[in-house]
Amino acid sequence: MTAHNELRLLPWSGPDGKPCYLSTDDRDGYMSRLADNIESVQLGMAAELLEQALETLGDEDAGLEDLRLLAKELTGALRDVLRVATSRGHLLAVSEPHGS
């Protein structure tokens, strides 16, 4: 198994929004692949939401409810993308040889 500092932050949270971690040496294992796939979906959804946000913000007729919904969706997407970035950054740091 991996050392404590090599746990992978998963792209979903547990009860009460607490982070979930994976401890494995197998980056091609089922849970690792599942996490990779979910991260990919989350990043794709964030890209689509960004396009939608640009359209909504460019629409002079967009109402307050539209903007509130957009802000809520952007907040969720930002949370997911930040979790993915943190996880991937940690994976890169762990895989770099020491002394580099």
PDB file of N, CA and C in Angstrom:
ATOM      1  N   MET A   1       0.835  -1.185   0.000  1.00  0.00           N
ATOM      2  CA  MET A   1       0.000   0.000   0.000  1.00  0.00           C
ATOM      3  C   MET A   1       0.883   1.253   0.000  1.00  0.00           C
ATOM      4  N   THR A   2       0.263   2.376  -0.277  1.00  0.00           N
ATOM      5  CA  THR A   2       0.993   3.628  -0.353  1.00  0.00           C
ATOM      6  C   THR A   2       1.246   4.192   1.036  1.00  0.00           C
ATOM      7  N   ALA A   3       2.241   5.056   1.110  1.00  0.00           N
ATOM      8  CA  ALA A   3       2.508   5.763   2.360  1.00  0.00           C
ATOM      9  C   ALA A   3       1.396   6.780   2.594  1.00  0.00           C
ATOM     10  N   HIS A   4       1.230   7.200   3.837  1.00  0.00           N
ATOM     11  CA  HIS A   4       0.140   8.121   4.191  1.00  0.00           C
ATOM     12  C   HIS A   4       0.161   9.382   3.323  1.00  0.00           C
ATOM     13  N   ASN A   5       1.359   9.908   3.023  1.00  0.00           N
ATOM     14  CA  ASN A   5       1.437  11.141   2.246  1.00  0.00           C
ATOM     15  C   ASN A   5       1.218  10.901   0.751  1.00  0.00           C
ATOM     16  N   GLU A   6       0.973   9.655   0.355  1.00  0.00           N
ATOM     17  CA  GLU A   6       0.745   9.341  -1.048  1.00  0.00           C
ATOM     18  C   GLU A   6      -0.700   8.951  -1.321  1.00  0.00           C
ATOM     19  N   LEU A   7      -1.598   9.252  -0.408  1.00  0.00           N
ATOM     20  CA  LEU A   7      -3.001   8.963  -0.629  1.00  0.00           C
ATOM     21  C   LEU A   7      -3.527   9.844  -1.751  1.00  0.00           C
ATOM     22  N   ARG A   8      -4.403   9.297  -2.564  1.00  0.00           N
ATOM     23  CA  ARG A   8      -4.991  10.059  -3.666  1.00  0.00           C
ATOM     24  C   ARG A   8      -6.316  10.670  -3.210  1.00  0.00           C
ATOM     25  N   LEU A   9      -6.428  11.977  -3.386  1.00  0.00           N
ATOM     26  CA  LEU A   9      -7.691  12.657  -3.123  1.00  0.00           C
ATOM     27  C   LEU A   9      -8.652  12.296  -4.239  1.00  0.00           C
ATOM     28  N   LEU A  10      -9.785  11.736  -3.878  1.00  0.00           N
ATOM     29  CA  LEU A  10     -10.765  11.300  -4.876  1.00  0.00           C
ATOM     30  C   LEU A  10     -11.671  12.462  -5.281  1.00  0.00           C
ATOM     31  N   PRO A  11     -12.265  12.384  -6.483  1.00  0.00           N
ATOM     32  CA  PRO A  11     -13.056  13.502  -6.997  1.00  0.00           C
ATOM     33  C   PRO A  11     -14.483  13.563  -6.455  1.00  0.00           C
ATOM     34  N   TRP A  12     -14.725  12.933  -5.345  1.00  0.00           N
ATOM     35  CA  TRP A  12     -16.031  13.021  -4.693  1.00  0.00           C
ATOM     36  C   TRP A  12     -15.793  13.150  -3.201  1.00  0.00           C
ATOM     37  N   SER A  13     -16.814  13.592  -2.509  1.00  0.00           N
ATOM     38  CA  SER A  13     -16.667  13.737  -1.061  1.00  0.00           C
ATOM     39  C   SER A  13     -17.543  12.724  -0.358  1.00  0.00           C
ATOM     40  N   GLY A  14     -17.227  12.521   0.889  1.00  0.00           N
ATOM     41  CA  GLY A  14     -17.969  11.573   1.706  1.00  0.00           C
ATOM     42  C   GLY A  14     -19.044  12.290   2.506  1.00  0.00           C
ATOM     43  N   PRO A  15     -19.521  11.629   3.542  1.00  0.00           N
ATOM     44  CA  PRO A  15     -20.535  12.237   4.394  1.00  0.00           C
ATOM     45  C   PRO A  15     -20.074  13.594   4.926  1.00  0.00           C
ATOM     46  N   ASP A  16     -21.007  14.503   4.997  1.00  0.00           N
ATOM     47  CA  ASP A  16     -20.735  15.850   5.511  1.00  0.00           C
ATOM     48  C   ASP A  16     -19.699  16.602   4.685  1.00  0.00           C
ATOM     49  N   GLY A  17     -19.510  16.202   3.409  1.00  0.00           N
ATOM     50  CA  GLY A  17     -18.583  16.901   2.531  1.00  0.00           C
ATOM     51  C   GLY A  17     -17.116  16.648   2.815  1.00  0.00           C
ATOM     52  N   LYS A  18     -16.844  15.645   3.649  1.00  0.00           N
ATOM     53  CA  LYS A  18     -15.442  15.351   3.980  1.00  0.00           C
ATOM     54  C   LYS A  18     -14.750  14.692   2.787  1.00  0.00           C
ATOM     55  N   PRO A  19     -13.447  14.982   2.600  1.00  0.00           N
ATOM     56  CA  PRO A  19     -12.729  14.403   1.464  1.00  0.00           C
ATOM     57  C   PRO A  19     -12.582  12.883   1.598  1.00  0.00           C
ATOM     58  N   CYS A  20     -12.523  12.228   0.445  1.00  0.00           N
ATOM     59  CA  CYS A  20     -12.281  10.785   0.385  1.00  0.00           C
ATOM     60  C   CYS A  20     -10.915  10.560  -0.249  1.00  0.00           C
ATOM     61  N   TYR A  21     -10.212   9.564   0.228  1.00  0.00           N
ATOM     62  CA  TYR A  21      -8.871   9.261  -0.269  1.00  0.00           C
ATOM     63  C   TYR A  21      -8.787   7.800  -0.666  1.00  0.00           C
ATOM     64  N   LEU A  22      -7.875   7.526  -1.589  1.00  0.00           N
ATOM     65  CA  LEU A  22      -7.614   6.167  -2.041  1.00  0.00           C
ATOM     66  C   LEU A  22      -6.180   5.819  -1.711  1.00  0.00           C
ATOM     67  N   SER A  23      -5.989   4.667  -1.118  1.00  0.00           N
ATOM     68  CA  SER A  23      -4.659   4.165  -0.807  1.00  0.00           C
ATOM     69  C   SER A  23      -4.423   2.926  -1.647  1.00  0.00           C
ATOM     70  N   THR A  24      -3.576   3.075  -2.662  1.00  0.00           N
ATOM     71  CA  THR A  24      -3.252   1.948  -3.527  1.00  0.00           C
ATOM     72  C   THR A  24      -1.955   2.219  -4.269  1.00  0.00           C
ATOM     73  N   ASP A  25      -1.264   1.161  -4.614  1.00  0.00           N
ATOM     74  CA  ASP A  25      -0.082   1.263  -5.460  1.00  0.00           C
ATOM     75  C   ASP A  25      -0.444   1.057  -6.928  1.00  0.00           C
ATOM     76  N   ASP A  26      -1.668   0.663  -7.192  1.00  0.00           N
ATOM     77  CA  ASP A  26      -2.106   0.305  -8.539  1.00  0.00           C
ATOM     78  C   ASP A  26      -2.850   1.471  -9.184  1.00  0.00           C
ATOM     79  N   ARG A  27      -2.146   2.258  -9.977  1.00  0.00           N
ATOM     80  CA  ARG A  27      -2.775   3.401 -10.648  1.00  0.00           C
ATOM     81  C   ARG A  27      -3.699   2.973 -11.787  1.00  0.00           C
ATOM     82  N   ASP A  28      -3.668   1.680 -12.141  1.00  0.00           N
ATOM     83  CA  ASP A  28      -4.556   1.155 -13.170  1.00  0.00           C
ATOM     84  C   ASP A  28      -5.673   0.308 -12.573  1.00  0.00           C
ATOM     85  N   GLY A  29      -5.791   0.308 -11.252  1.00  0.00           N
ATOM     86  CA  GLY A  29      -6.839  -0.459 -10.581  1.00  0.00           C
ATOM     87  C   GLY A  29      -8.211   0.149 -10.818  1.00  0.00           C
ATOM     88  N   TYR A  30      -9.227  -0.600 -10.443  1.00  0.00           N
ATOM     89  CA  TYR A  30     -10.607  -0.186 -10.682  1.00  0.00           C
ATOM     90  C   TYR A  30     -10.912   1.191 -10.083  1.00  0.00           C
ATOM     91  N   MET A  31     -10.578   1.411  -8.827  1.00  0.00           N
ATOM     92  CA  MET A  31     -10.905   2.679  -8.172  1.00  0.00           C
ATOM     93  C   MET A  31     -10.115   3.840  -8.775  1.00  0.00           C
ATOM     94  N   SER A  32      -8.866   3.601  -9.151  1.00  0.00           N
ATOM     95  CA  SER A  32      -8.072   4.646  -9.789  1.00  0.00           C
ATOM     96  C   SER A  32      -8.670   5.028 -11.135  1.00  0.00           C
ATOM     97  N   ARG A  33      -9.068   4.029 -11.901  1.00  0.00           N
ATOM     98  CA  ARG A  33      -9.684   4.306 -13.210  1.00  0.00           C
ATOM     99  C   ARG A  33     -11.025   5.006 -13.040  1.00  0.00           C
ATOM    100  N   LEU A  34     -11.805   4.593 -12.041  1.00  0.00           N
ATOM    101  CA  LEU A  34     -13.081   5.243 -11.766  1.00  0.00           C
ATOM    102  C   LEU A  34     -12.860   6.718 -11.429  1.00  0.00           C
ATOM    103  N   ALA A  35     -11.890   6.982 -10.566  1.00  0.00           N
ATOM    104  CA  ALA A  35     -11.582   8.368 -10.199  1.00  0.00           C
ATOM    105  C   ALA A  35     -11.128   9.161 -11.419  1.00  0.00           C
ATOM    106  N   ASP A  36     -10.279   8.570 -12.260  1.00  0.00           N
ATOM    107  CA  ASP A  36      -9.834   9.246 -13.487  1.00  0.00           C
ATOM    108  C   ASP A  36     -11.016   9.589 -14.378  1.00  0.00           C
ATOM    109  N   ASN A  37     -11.941   8.648 -14.540  1.00  0.00           N
ATOM    110  CA  ASN A  37     -13.111   8.874 -15.392  1.00  0.00           C
ATOM    111  C   ASN A  37     -14.016   9.967 -14.829  1.00  0.00           C
ATOM    112  N   ILE A  38     -14.230   9.951 -13.535  1.00  0.00           N
ATOM    113  CA  ILE A  38     -15.080  10.975 -12.926  1.00  0.00           C
ATOM    114  C   ILE A  38     -14.417  12.342 -13.036  1.00  0.00           C
ATOM    115  N   GLU A  39     -13.109  12.408 -12.823  1.00  0.00           N
ATOM    116  CA  GLU A  39     -12.398  13.677 -12.992  1.00  0.00           C
ATOM    117  C   GLU A  39     -12.563  14.200 -14.411  1.00  0.00           C
ATOM    118  N   SER A  40     -12.458  13.315 -15.385  1.00  0.00           N
ATOM    119  CA  SER A  40     -12.603  13.709 -16.785  1.00  0.00           C
ATOM    120  C   SER A  40     -13.999  14.275 -17.051  1.00  0.00           C
ATOM    121  N   VAL A  41     -15.016  13.620 -16.516  1.00  0.00           N
ATOM    122  CA  VAL A  41     -16.390  14.104 -16.675  1.00  0.00           C
ATOM    123  C   VAL A  41     -16.546  15.467 -15.998  1.00  0.00           C
ATOM    124  N   GLN A  42     -16.006  15.614 -14.804  1.00  0.00           N
ATOM    125  CA  GLN A  42     -16.125  16.877 -14.080  1.00  0.00           C
ATOM    126  C   GLN A  42     -15.459  18.017 -14.852  1.00  0.00           C
ATOM    127  N   LEU A  43     -14.288  17.763 -15.421  1.00  0.00           N
ATOM    128  CA  LEU A  43     -13.596  18.795 -16.189  1.00  0.00           C
ATOM    129  C   LEU A  43     -14.364  19.147 -17.451  1.00  0.00           C
ATOM    130  N   GLY A  44     -14.936  18.142 -18.099  1.00  0.00           N
ATOM    131  CA  GLY A  44     -15.741  18.389 -19.292  1.00  0.00           C
ATOM    132  C   GLY A  44     -16.983  19.201 -18.971  1.00  0.00           C
ATOM    133  N   MET A  45     -17.639  18.867 -17.874  1.00  0.00           N
ATOM    134  CA  MET A  45     -18.830  19.612 -17.465  1.00  0.00           C
ATOM    135  C   MET A  45     -18.476  21.051 -17.114  1.00  0.00           C
ATOM    136  N   ALA A  46     -17.324  21.263 -16.501  1.00  0.00           N
ATOM    137  CA  ALA A  46     -16.891  22.624 -16.156  1.00  0.00           C
ATOM    138  C   ALA A  46     -16.637  23.434 -17.423  1.00  0.00           C
ATOM    139  N   ALA A  47     -16.055  22.821 -18.439  1.00  0.00           N
ATOM    140  CA  ALA A  47     -15.808  23.516 -19.703  1.00  0.00           C
ATOM    141  C   ALA A  47     -17.128  23.909 -20.368  1.00  0.00           C
ATOM    142  N   GLU A  48     -18.095  23.000 -20.354  1.00  0.00           N
ATOM    143  CA  GLU A  48     -19.413  23.308 -20.920  1.00  0.00           C
ATOM    144  C   GLU A  48     -20.104  24.413 -20.125  1.00  0.00           C
ATOM    145  N   LEU A  49     -19.981  24.376 -18.825  1.00  0.00           N
ATOM    146  CA  LEU A  49     -20.592  25.387 -17.976  1.00  0.00           C
ATOM    147  C   LEU A  49     -19.961  26.753 -18.220  1.00  0.00           C
ATOM    148  N   LEU A  50     -18.665  26.779 -18.473  1.00  0.00           N
ATOM    149  CA  LEU A  50     -17.991  28.042 -18.766  1.00  0.00           C
ATOM    150  C   LEU A  50     -18.572  28.667 -20.031  1.00  0.00           C
ATOM    151  N   GLU A  51     -18.816  27.856 -21.059  1.00  0.00           N
ATOM    152  CA  GLU A  51     -19.435  28.362 -22.290  1.00  0.00           C
ATOM    153  C   GLU A  51     -20.831  28.903 -21.990  1.00  0.00           C
ATOM    154  N   GLN A  52     -21.592  28.169 -21.191  1.00  0.00           N
ATOM    155  CA  GLN A  52     -22.942  28.605 -20.813  1.00  0.00           C
ATOM    156  C   GLN A  52     -22.876  29.914 -20.031  1.00  0.00           C
ATOM    157  N   ALA A  53     -21.890  30.039 -19.149  1.00  0.00           N
ATOM    158  CA  ALA A  53     -21.748  31.258 -18.349  1.00  0.00           C
ATOM    159  C   ALA A  53     -21.461  32.456 -19.245  1.00  0.00           C
ATOM    160  N   LEU A  54     -20.600  32.267 -20.229  1.00  0.00           N
ATOM    161  CA  LEU A  54     -20.289  33.365 -21.147  1.00  0.00           C
ATOM    162  C   LEU A  54     -21.540  33.809 -21.906  1.00  0.00           C
ATOM    163  N   GLU A  55     -22.343  32.845 -22.314  1.00  0.00           N
ATOM    164  CA  GLU A  55     -23.591  33.172 -23.011  1.00  0.00           C
ATOM    165  C   GLU A  55     -24.556  33.902 -22.083  1.00  0.00           C
ATOM    166  N   THR A  56     -24.727  33.388 -20.878  1.00  0.00           N
ATOM    167  CA  THR A  56     -25.668  33.989 -19.931  1.00  0.00           C
ATOM    168  C   THR A  56     -25.235  35.397 -19.556  1.00  0.00           C
ATOM    169  N   LEU A  57     -23.956  35.583 -19.291  1.00  0.00           N
ATOM    170  CA  LEU A  57     -23.470  36.905 -18.906  1.00  0.00           C
ATOM    171  C   LEU A  57     -23.538  37.898 -20.061  1.00  0.00           C
ATOM    172  N   GLY A  58     -23.501  37.384 -21.285  1.00  0.00           N
ATOM    173  CA  GLY A  58     -23.621  38.249 -22.456  1.00  0.00           C
ATOM    174  C   GLY A  58     -25.060  38.556 -22.826  1.00  0.00           C
ATOM    175  N   ASP A  59     -26.007  37.911 -22.186  1.00  0.00           N
ATOM    176  CA  ASP A  59     -27.431  38.091 -22.462  1.00  0.00           C
ATOM    177  C   ASP A  59     -27.982  39.198 -21.572  1.00  0.00           C
ATOM    178  N   GLU A  60     -28.312  40.328 -22.168  1.00  0.00           N
ATOM    179  CA  GLU A  60     -28.830  41.458 -21.396  1.00  0.00           C
ATOM    180  C   GLU A  60     -30.186  41.154 -20.763  1.00  0.00           C
ATOM    181  N   ASP A  61     -30.883  40.140 -21.286  1.00  0.00           N
ATOM    182  CA  ASP A  61     -32.204  39.793 -20.759  1.00  0.00           C
ATOM    183  C   ASP A  61     -32.143  38.715 -19.675  1.00  0.00           C
ATOM    184  N   ALA A  62     -30.954  38.280 -19.326  1.00  0.00           N
ATOM    185  CA  ALA A  62     -30.826  37.252 -18.284  1.00  0.00           C
ATOM    186  C   ALA A  62     -31.338  37.824 -16.961  1.00  0.00           C
ATOM    187  N   GLY A  63     -32.203  37.061 -16.321  1.00  0.00           N
ATOM    188  CA  GLY A  63     -32.799  37.522 -15.075  1.00  0.00           C
ATOM    189  C   GLY A  63     -31.974  37.151 -13.859  1.00  0.00           C
ATOM    190  N   LEU A  64     -32.404  37.668 -12.737  1.00  0.00           N
ATOM    191  CA  LEU A  64     -31.719  37.419 -11.467  1.00  0.00           C
ATOM    192  C   LEU A  64     -31.679  35.925 -11.145  1.00  0.00           C
ATOM    193  N   GLU A  65     -32.782  35.215 -11.388  1.00  0.00           N
ATOM    194  CA  GLU A  65     -32.808  33.768 -11.113  1.00  0.00           C
ATOM    195  C   GLU A  65     -31.815  33.020 -11.999  1.00  0.00           C
ATOM    196  N   ASP A  66     -31.702  33.442 -13.270  1.00  0.00           N
ATOM    197  CA  ASP A  66     -30.720  32.823 -14.172  1.00  0.00           C
ATOM    198  C   ASP A  66     -29.307  33.009 -13.627  1.00  0.00           C
ATOM    199  N   LEU A  67     -29.034  34.202 -13.155  1.00  0.00           N
ATOM    200  CA  LEU A  67     -27.695  34.498 -12.630  1.00  0.00           C
ATOM    201  C   LEU A  67     -27.423  33.751 -11.324  1.00  0.00           C
ATOM    202  N   ARG A  68     -28.435  33.620 -10.484  1.00  0.00           N
ATOM    203  CA  ARG A  68     -28.261  32.857  -9.237  1.00  0.00           C
ATOM    204  C   ARG A  68     -27.978  31.390  -9.533  1.00  0.00           C
ATOM    205  N   LEU A  69     -28.748  30.814 -10.469  1.00  0.00           N
ATOM    206  CA  LEU A  69     -28.529  29.424 -10.850  1.00  0.00           C
ATOM    207  C   LEU A  69     -27.137  29.244 -11.436  1.00  0.00           C
ATOM    208  N   LEU A  70     -26.732  30.182 -12.283  1.00  0.00           N
ATOM    209  CA  LEU A  70     -25.399  30.129 -12.872  1.00  0.00           C
ATOM    210  C   LEU A  70     -24.323  30.170 -11.787  1.00  0.00           C
ATOM    211  N   ALA A  71     -24.490  31.074 -10.825  1.00  0.00           N
ATOM    212  CA  ALA A  71     -23.514  31.178  -9.730  1.00  0.00           C
ATOM    213  C   ALA A  71     -23.446  29.887  -8.934  1.00  0.00           C
ATOM    214  N   LYS A  72     -24.594  29.265  -8.681  1.00  0.00           N
ATOM    215  CA  LYS A  72     -24.628  27.996  -7.939  1.00  0.00           C
ATOM    216  C   LYS A  72     -23.910  26.896  -8.716  1.00  0.00           C
ATOM    217  N   GLU A  73     -24.186  26.799 -10.012  1.00  0.00           N
ATOM    218  CA  GLU A  73     -23.543  25.772 -10.842  1.00  0.00           C
ATOM    219  C   GLU A  73     -22.047  26.022 -10.974  1.00  0.00           C
ATOM    220  N   LEU A  74     -21.654  27.287 -11.135  1.00  0.00           N
ATOM    221  CA  LEU A  74     -20.229  27.615 -11.227  1.00  0.00           C
ATOM    222  C   LEU A  74     -19.502  27.298  -9.929  1.00  0.00           C
ATOM    223  N   THR A  75     -20.165  27.533  -8.804  1.00  0.00           N
ATOM    224  CA  THR A  75     -19.559  27.218  -7.502  1.00  0.00           C
ATOM    225  C   THR A  75     -19.282  25.721  -7.388  1.00  0.00           C
ATOM    226  N   GLY A  76     -20.249  24.899  -7.786  1.00  0.00           N
ATOM    227  CA  GLY A  76     -20.050  23.449  -7.748  1.00  0.00           C
ATOM    228  C   GLY A  76     -18.948  22.999  -8.686  1.00  0.00           C
ATOM    229  N   ALA A  77     -18.928  23.568  -9.887  1.00  0.00           N
ATOM    230  CA  ALA A  77     -17.898  23.198 -10.859  1.00  0.00           C
ATOM    231  C   ALA A  77     -16.516  23.629 -10.378  1.00  0.00           C
ATOM    232  N   LEU A  78     -16.437  24.810  -9.798  1.00  0.00           N
ATOM    233  CA  LEU A  78     -15.153  25.286  -9.281  1.00  0.00           C
ATOM    234  C   LEU A  78     -14.653  24.382  -8.154  1.00  0.00           C
ATOM    235  N   ARG A  79     -15.563  23.957  -7.277  1.00  0.00           N
ATOM    236  CA  ARG A  79     -15.194  23.034  -6.196  1.00  0.00           C
ATOM    237  C   ARG A  79     -14.622  21.738  -6.780  1.00  0.00           C
ATOM    238  N   ASP A  80     -15.308  21.189  -7.797  1.00  0.00           N
ATOM    239  CA  ASP A  80     -14.857  19.939  -8.409  1.00  0.00           C
ATOM    240  C   ASP A  80     -13.509  20.099  -9.099  1.00  0.00           C
ATOM    241  N   VAL A  81     -13.347  21.186  -9.852  1.00  0.00           N
ATOM    242  CA  VAL A  81     -12.099  21.416 -10.587  1.00  0.00           C
ATOM    243  C   VAL A  81     -10.944  21.654  -9.617  1.00  0.00           C
ATOM    244  N   LEU A  82     -11.204  22.359  -8.532  1.00  0.00           N
ATOM    245  CA  LEU A  82     -10.165  22.578  -7.521  1.00  0.00           C
ATOM    246  C   LEU A  82      -9.741  21.255  -6.892  1.00  0.00           C
ATOM    247  N   ARG A  83     -10.697  20.373  -6.634  1.00  0.00           N
ATOM    248  CA  ARG A  83     -10.375  19.061  -6.066  1.00  0.00           C
ATOM    249  C   ARG A  83      -9.525  18.256  -7.050  1.00  0.00           C
ATOM    250  N   VAL A  84      -9.887  18.304  -8.339  1.00  0.00           N
ATOM    251  CA  VAL A  84      -9.113  17.594  -9.361  1.00  0.00           C
ATOM    252  C   VAL A  84      -7.695  18.157  -9.439  1.00  0.00           C
ATOM    253  N   ALA A  85      -7.580  19.477  -9.442  1.00  0.00           N
ATOM    254  CA  ALA A  85      -6.262  20.107  -9.518  1.00  0.00           C
ATOM    255  C   ALA A  85      -5.405  19.757  -8.304  1.00  0.00           C
ATOM    256  N   THR A  86      -6.006  19.765  -7.133  1.00  0.00           N
ATOM    257  CA  THR A  86      -5.277  19.412  -5.913  1.00  0.00           C
ATOM    258  C   THR A  86      -4.808  17.972  -5.975  1.00  0.00           C
ATOM    259  N   SER A  87      -5.690  17.085  -6.389  1.00  0.00           N
ATOM    260  CA  SER A  87      -5.343  15.669  -6.477  1.00  0.00           C
ATOM    261  C   SER A  87      -4.228  15.434  -7.482  1.00  0.00           C
ATOM    262  N   ARG A  88      -4.371  16.016  -8.663  1.00  0.00           N
ATOM    263  CA  ARG A  88      -3.360  15.808  -9.708  1.00  0.00           C
ATOM    264  C   ARG A  88      -2.037  16.455  -9.343  1.00  0.00           C
ATOM    265  N   GLY A  89      -2.095  17.619  -8.703  1.00  0.00           N
ATOM    266  CA  GLY A  89      -0.857  18.268  -8.261  1.00  0.00           C
ATOM    267  C   GLY A  89      -0.130  17.417  -7.243  1.00  0.00           C
ATOM    268  N   HIS A  90      -0.903  16.811  -6.337  1.00  0.00           N
ATOM    269  CA  HIS A  90      -0.296  15.940  -5.326  1.00  0.00           C
ATOM    270  C   HIS A  90       0.304  14.702  -5.997  1.00  0.00           C
ATOM    271  N   LEU A  91      -0.406  14.137  -6.971  1.00  0.00           N
ATOM    272  CA  LEU A  91       0.122  12.959  -7.676  1.00  0.00           C
ATOM    273  C   LEU A  91       1.421  13.288  -8.404  1.00  0.00           C
ATOM    274  N   LEU A  92       1.495  14.481  -8.999  1.00  0.00           N
ATOM    275  CA  LEU A  92       2.723  14.891  -9.677  1.00  0.00           C
ATOM    276  C   LEU A  92       3.873  15.045  -8.685  1.00  0.00           C
ATOM    277  N   ALA A  93       3.590  15.669  -7.539  1.00  0.00           N
ATOM    278  CA  ALA A  93       4.617  15.878  -6.523  1.00  0.00           C
ATOM    279  C   ALA A  93       5.133  14.554  -5.985  1.00  0.00           C
ATOM    280  N   VAL A  94       4.235  13.589  -5.814  1.00  0.00           N
ATOM    281  CA  VAL A  94       4.633  12.296  -5.278  1.00  0.00           C
ATOM    282  C   VAL A  94       5.448  11.516  -6.293  1.00  0.00           C
ATOM    283  N   SER A  95       5.131  11.665  -7.586  1.00  0.00           N
ATOM    284  CA  SER A  95       5.823  10.883  -8.607  1.00  0.00           C
ATOM    285  C   SER A  95       7.154  11.478  -9.025  1.00  0.00           C
ATOM    286  N   GLU A  96       7.428  12.738  -8.656  1.00  0.00           N
ATOM    287  CA  GLU A  96       8.720  13.364  -9.000  1.00  0.00           C
ATOM    288  C   GLU A  96       9.818  12.764  -8.136  1.00  0.00           C
ATOM    289  N   PRO A  97      10.972  12.510  -8.748  1.00  0.00           N
ATOM    290  CA  PRO A  97      12.089  11.996  -7.946  1.00  0.00           C
ATOM    291  C   PRO A  97      12.572  13.071  -6.948  1.00  0.00           C
ATOM    292  N   HIS A  98      12.973  12.620  -5.780  1.00  0.00           N
ATOM    293  CA  HIS A  98      13.451  13.545  -4.761  1.00  0.00           C
ATOM    294  C   HIS A  98      14.744  14.193  -5.230  1.00  0.00           C
ATOM    295  N   GLY A  99      14.908  15.463  -4.848  1.00  0.00           N
ATOM    296  CA  GLY A  99      16.120  16.195  -5.211  1.00  0.00           C
ATOM    297  C   GLY A  99      16.014  16.879  -6.552  1.00  0.00           C
ATOM    298  N   SER A 100      14.843  16.844  -7.215  1.00  0.00           N
ATOM    299  CA  SER A 100      14.667  17.520  -8.502  1.00  0.00           C
ATOM    300  C   SER A 100      14.268  18.949  -8.294  1.00  0.00           C
TER     301      SER A 100
END
